[in-house]
Amino acid sequence: VIAAIEEFELAARALLAGLEAPDDGSLRRNAAARLADTATQVLQAATFG
């Protein structure tokens, strides 16, 4: 569970960096997708161990 939460934190930081950096939107989309994936992993780890 801790590893999943740490990965979520990294994904959140990447999303924030993407929001601050100029780009065509793909960085933001990729970071948002990664954040969503890791949120799912956190929930699964918390639920199923």
Protein backbone atom coordinates (compact mmCIF):
# COMPACT_ATOMS: atom_id res chain seq x y z
CA VAL A 1 0.00 0.00 0.00
CA ILE A 2 2.82 2.41 0.86
CA ALA A 3 4.51 1.84 -2.49
CA ALA A 4 1.24 2.56 -4.29
CA ILE A 5 0.79 5.78 -2.32
CA GLU A 6 4.35 6.84 -3.12
CA GLU A 7 3.72 6.18 -6.82
CA PHE A 8 0.54 8.25 -6.57
CA GLU A 9 2.54 11.11 -5.07
CA LEU A 10 5.03 10.95 -7.95
CA ALA A 11 2.20 10.97 -10.47
CA ALA A 12 0.58 13.95 -8.76
CA ARG A 13 3.86 15.86 -8.86
CA ALA A 14 4.23 15.04 -12.56
CA LEU A 15 0.73 16.35 -13.22
CA LEU A 16 1.50 19.57 -11.36
CA ALA A 17 4.72 19.99 -13.33
CA GLY A 18 2.77 19.41 -16.53
CA LEU A 19 0.29 22.09 -15.59
CA GLU A 20 3.09 24.58 -15.04
CA ALA A 21 5.05 23.73 -18.19
CA PRO A 22 4.07 24.93 -21.64
CA ASP A 23 3.12 22.03 -23.90
CA ASP A 24 0.57 20.95 -26.46
CA GLY A 25 -1.55 19.19 -23.85
CA SER A 26 -0.03 15.74 -24.26
CA LEU A 27 2.09 16.08 -21.12
CA ARG A 28 -1.00 17.00 -19.16
CA ARG A 29 -3.05 14.16 -20.62
CA ASN A 30 -0.30 11.63 -19.94
CA ALA A 31 0.22 12.89 -16.40
CA ALA A 32 -3.52 12.87 -15.70
CA ALA A 33 -3.81 9.32 -17.06
CA ARG A 34 -0.89 8.20 -14.89
CA LEU A 35 -2.48 9.85 -11.86
CA ALA A 36 -5.76 8.06 -12.52
CA ASP A 37 -3.97 4.73 -12.94
CA THR A 38 -2.05 5.12 -9.73
CA ALA A 39 -5.18 6.20 -7.86
CA THR A 40 -6.73 2.92 -8.96
CA GLN A 41 -3.64 1.05 -7.77
CA VAL A 42 -3.84 2.74 -4.36
CA LEU A 43 -7.50 1.78 -4.01
CA GLN A 44 -6.81 -1.80 -5.07
CA ALA A 45 -3.85 -2.11 -2.72
CA ALA A 46 -5.88 -0.69 0.16
CA THR A 47 -8.83 -2.94 -0.61
CA PHE A 48 -7.13 -6.21 -1.47
CA GLY A 49 -3.77 -5.79 0.24
